[in-house]
Amino acid sequence: MQNNSFFDFIFESLKDINRVYHISSLDISLKYRRTILGNIWIVLTYLITISIISFVWSFVLGASISDYFPKLFIGFTTFYLIFKCKKN
């Protein structure tokens, strides 16, 4: 029985990055194939969500959107990445 670690799996996957890219793009295209916007829907939903949250909270906190949006974008992106990695 082979005893491979998680990092061995990651390094082996990075050696064949084209295969990982094609499998990922196929998964996304199959998931959104019947929508009007297609693959753009992922980015658009994310940006709309962050824009609404930053507008509301910058109004509540009295901060300018140009100061608040980048901070929220970085924090939300980090949280979303950790959440999706943990979920899958």
C-alpha atoms as a PDB file:
ATOM      1  CA  MET A   1       0.000   0.000   0.000  1.00  0.00           C
ATOM      2  CA  GLN A   2       1.318   3.383  -0.998  1.00  0.00           C
ATOM      3  CA  ASN A   3       1.543   6.054   1.690  1.00  0.00           C
ATOM      4  CA  ASN A   4       1.318   9.406  -0.127  1.00  0.00           C
ATOM      5  CA  SER A   5       0.760  12.681   1.603  1.00  0.00           C
ATOM      6  CA  PHE A   6      -1.409  15.568   0.567  1.00  0.00           C
ATOM      7  CA  PHE A   7       1.606  17.557  -0.594  1.00  0.00           C
ATOM      8  CA  ASP A   8       2.745  14.717  -2.855  1.00  0.00           C
ATOM      9  CA  PHE A   9      -0.675  14.840  -4.483  1.00  0.00           C
ATOM     10  CA  ILE A  10      -0.422  18.613  -4.964  1.00  0.00           C
ATOM     11  CA  PHE A  11       3.064  18.399  -6.474  1.00  0.00           C
ATOM     12  CA  GLU A  12       2.011  15.618  -8.843  1.00  0.00           C
ATOM     13  CA  SER A  13      -1.028  17.645  -9.889  1.00  0.00           C
ATOM     14  CA  LEU A  14       1.098  20.705 -10.593  1.00  0.00           C
ATOM     15  CA  LYS A  15       3.309  18.654 -12.894  1.00  0.00           C
ATOM     16  CA  ASP A  16       0.282  17.999 -15.088  1.00  0.00           C
ATOM     17  CA  ILE A  17      -1.359  21.425 -14.818  1.00  0.00           C
ATOM     18  CA  ASN A  18      -2.957  21.225 -18.273  1.00  0.00           C
ATOM     19  CA  ARG A  19      -5.080  18.279 -17.217  1.00  0.00           C
ATOM     20  CA  VAL A  20      -6.174  20.072 -14.051  1.00  0.00           C
ATOM     21  CA  TYR A  21      -7.071  23.161 -16.098  1.00  0.00           C
ATOM     22  CA  HIS A  22      -9.137  21.192 -18.612  1.00  0.00           C
ATOM     23  CA  ILE A  23     -11.001  19.244 -15.946  1.00  0.00           C
ATOM     24  CA  SER A  24     -11.763  22.460 -14.043  1.00  0.00           C
ATOM     25  CA  SER A  25     -12.932  24.326 -17.131  1.00  0.00           C
ATOM     26  CA  LEU A  26     -15.114  21.377 -18.155  1.00  0.00           C
ATOM     27  CA  ASP A  27     -16.685  21.298 -14.703  1.00  0.00           C
ATOM     28  CA  ILE A  28     -17.489  25.012 -14.813  1.00  0.00           C
ATOM     29  CA  SER A  29     -18.822  24.928 -18.361  1.00  0.00           C
ATOM     30  CA  LEU A  30     -21.074  21.969 -17.551  1.00  0.00           C
ATOM     31  CA  LYS A  31     -22.341  23.656 -14.410  1.00  0.00           C
ATOM     32  CA  TYR A  32     -23.334  26.882 -16.209  1.00  0.00           C
ATOM     33  CA  ARG A  33     -24.115  25.560 -19.708  1.00  0.00           C
ATOM     34  CA  ARG A  34     -27.814  26.461 -19.658  1.00  0.00           C
ATOM     35  CA  THR A  35     -27.453  29.995 -18.338  1.00  0.00           C
ATOM     36  CA  ILE A  36     -27.503  33.085 -20.522  1.00  0.00           C
ATOM     37  CA  LEU A  37     -24.278  34.538 -19.137  1.00  0.00           C
ATOM     38  CA  GLY A  38     -22.403  31.242 -18.920  1.00  0.00           C
ATOM     39  CA  ASN A  39     -19.032  31.303 -17.196  1.00  0.00           C
ATOM     40  CA  ILE A  40     -19.209  35.065 -16.637  1.00  0.00           C
ATOM     41  CA  TRP A  41     -21.977  34.409 -14.112  1.00  0.00           C
ATOM     42  CA  ILE A  42     -19.421  33.309 -11.478  1.00  0.00           C
ATOM     43  CA  VAL A  43     -17.486  36.577 -11.566  1.00  0.00           C
ATOM     44  CA  LEU A  44     -20.573  38.739 -12.007  1.00  0.00           C
ATOM     45  CA  THR A  45     -22.347  37.278  -8.975  1.00  0.00           C
ATOM     46  CA  TYR A  46     -19.240  37.736  -6.866  1.00  0.00           C
ATOM     47  CA  LEU A  47     -18.748  41.374  -7.914  1.00  0.00           C
ATOM     48  CA  ILE A  48     -22.412  42.280  -7.425  1.00  0.00           C
ATOM     49  CA  THR A  49     -22.366  40.781  -3.937  1.00  0.00           C
ATOM     50  CA  ILE A  50     -19.212  42.631  -2.907  1.00  0.00           C
ATOM     51  CA  SER A  51     -20.460  45.895  -4.439  1.00  0.00           C
ATOM     52  CA  ILE A  52     -23.751  45.796  -2.540  1.00  0.00           C
ATOM     53  CA  ILE A  53     -22.085  44.856   0.734  1.00  0.00           C
ATOM     54  CA  SER A  54     -19.411  47.558   0.371  1.00  0.00           C
ATOM     55  CA  PHE A  55     -21.993  50.222  -0.524  1.00  0.00           C
ATOM     56  CA  VAL A  56     -24.196  49.416   2.469  1.00  0.00           C
ATOM     57  CA  TRP A  57     -21.393  49.074   5.006  1.00  0.00           C
ATOM     58  CA  SER A  58     -19.507  52.141   3.796  1.00  0.00           C
ATOM     59  CA  PHE A  59     -22.737  54.114   4.253  1.00  0.00           C
ATOM     60  CA  VAL A  60     -23.301  52.630   7.737  1.00  0.00           C
ATOM     61  CA  LEU A  61     -19.692  53.146   8.869  1.00  0.00           C
ATOM     62  CA  GLY A  62     -19.306  56.520   7.186  1.00  0.00           C
ATOM     63  CA  ALA A  63     -16.264  55.451   5.155  1.00  0.00           C
ATOM     64  CA  SER A  64     -15.681  56.162   1.493  1.00  0.00           C
ATOM     65  CA  ILE A  65     -16.314  53.304  -0.936  1.00  0.00           C
ATOM     66  CA  SER A  66     -12.847  53.721  -2.476  1.00  0.00           C
ATOM     67  CA  ASP A  67     -11.294  52.953   0.923  1.00  0.00           C
ATOM     68  CA  TYR A  68     -13.710  50.220   1.965  1.00  0.00           C
ATOM     69  CA  PHE A  69     -14.120  48.226  -1.285  1.00  0.00           C
ATOM     70  CA  PRO A  70     -10.503  46.928  -1.599  1.00  0.00           C
ATOM     71  CA  LYS A  71     -10.434  45.807   2.024  1.00  0.00           C
ATOM     72  CA  LEU A  72     -13.758  44.036   1.682  1.00  0.00           C
ATOM     73  CA  PHE A  73     -12.697  42.496  -1.635  1.00  0.00           C
ATOM     74  CA  ILE A  74      -9.530  40.997  -0.159  1.00  0.00           C
ATOM     75  CA  GLY A  75     -11.292  39.750   2.981  1.00  0.00           C
ATOM     76  CA  PHE A  76     -14.267  38.316   1.096  1.00  0.00           C
ATOM     77  CA  THR A  77     -12.009  36.618  -1.473  1.00  0.00           C
ATOM     78  CA  THR A  78      -9.903  35.017   1.253  1.00  0.00           C
ATOM     79  CA  PHE A  79     -12.972  33.834   3.156  1.00  0.00           C
ATOM     80  CA  TYR A  80     -14.640  32.511  -0.005  1.00  0.00           C
ATOM     81  CA  LEU A  81     -11.498  30.602  -1.021  1.00  0.00           C
ATOM     82  CA  ILE A  82     -11.135  28.974   2.417  1.00  0.00           C
ATOM     83  CA  PHE A  83     -14.876  28.207   2.542  1.00  0.00           C
ATOM     84  CA  LYS A  84     -14.907  26.551  -0.878  1.00  0.00           C
ATOM     85  CA  CYS A  85     -11.747  24.534  -0.170  1.00  0.00           C
ATOM     86  CA  LYS A  86     -13.196  23.332   3.114  1.00  0.00           C
ATOM     87  CA  LYS A  87     -16.604  22.573   1.557  1.00  0.00           C
ATOM     88  CA  ASN A  88     -15.240  20.530  -1.347  1.00  0.00           C
END
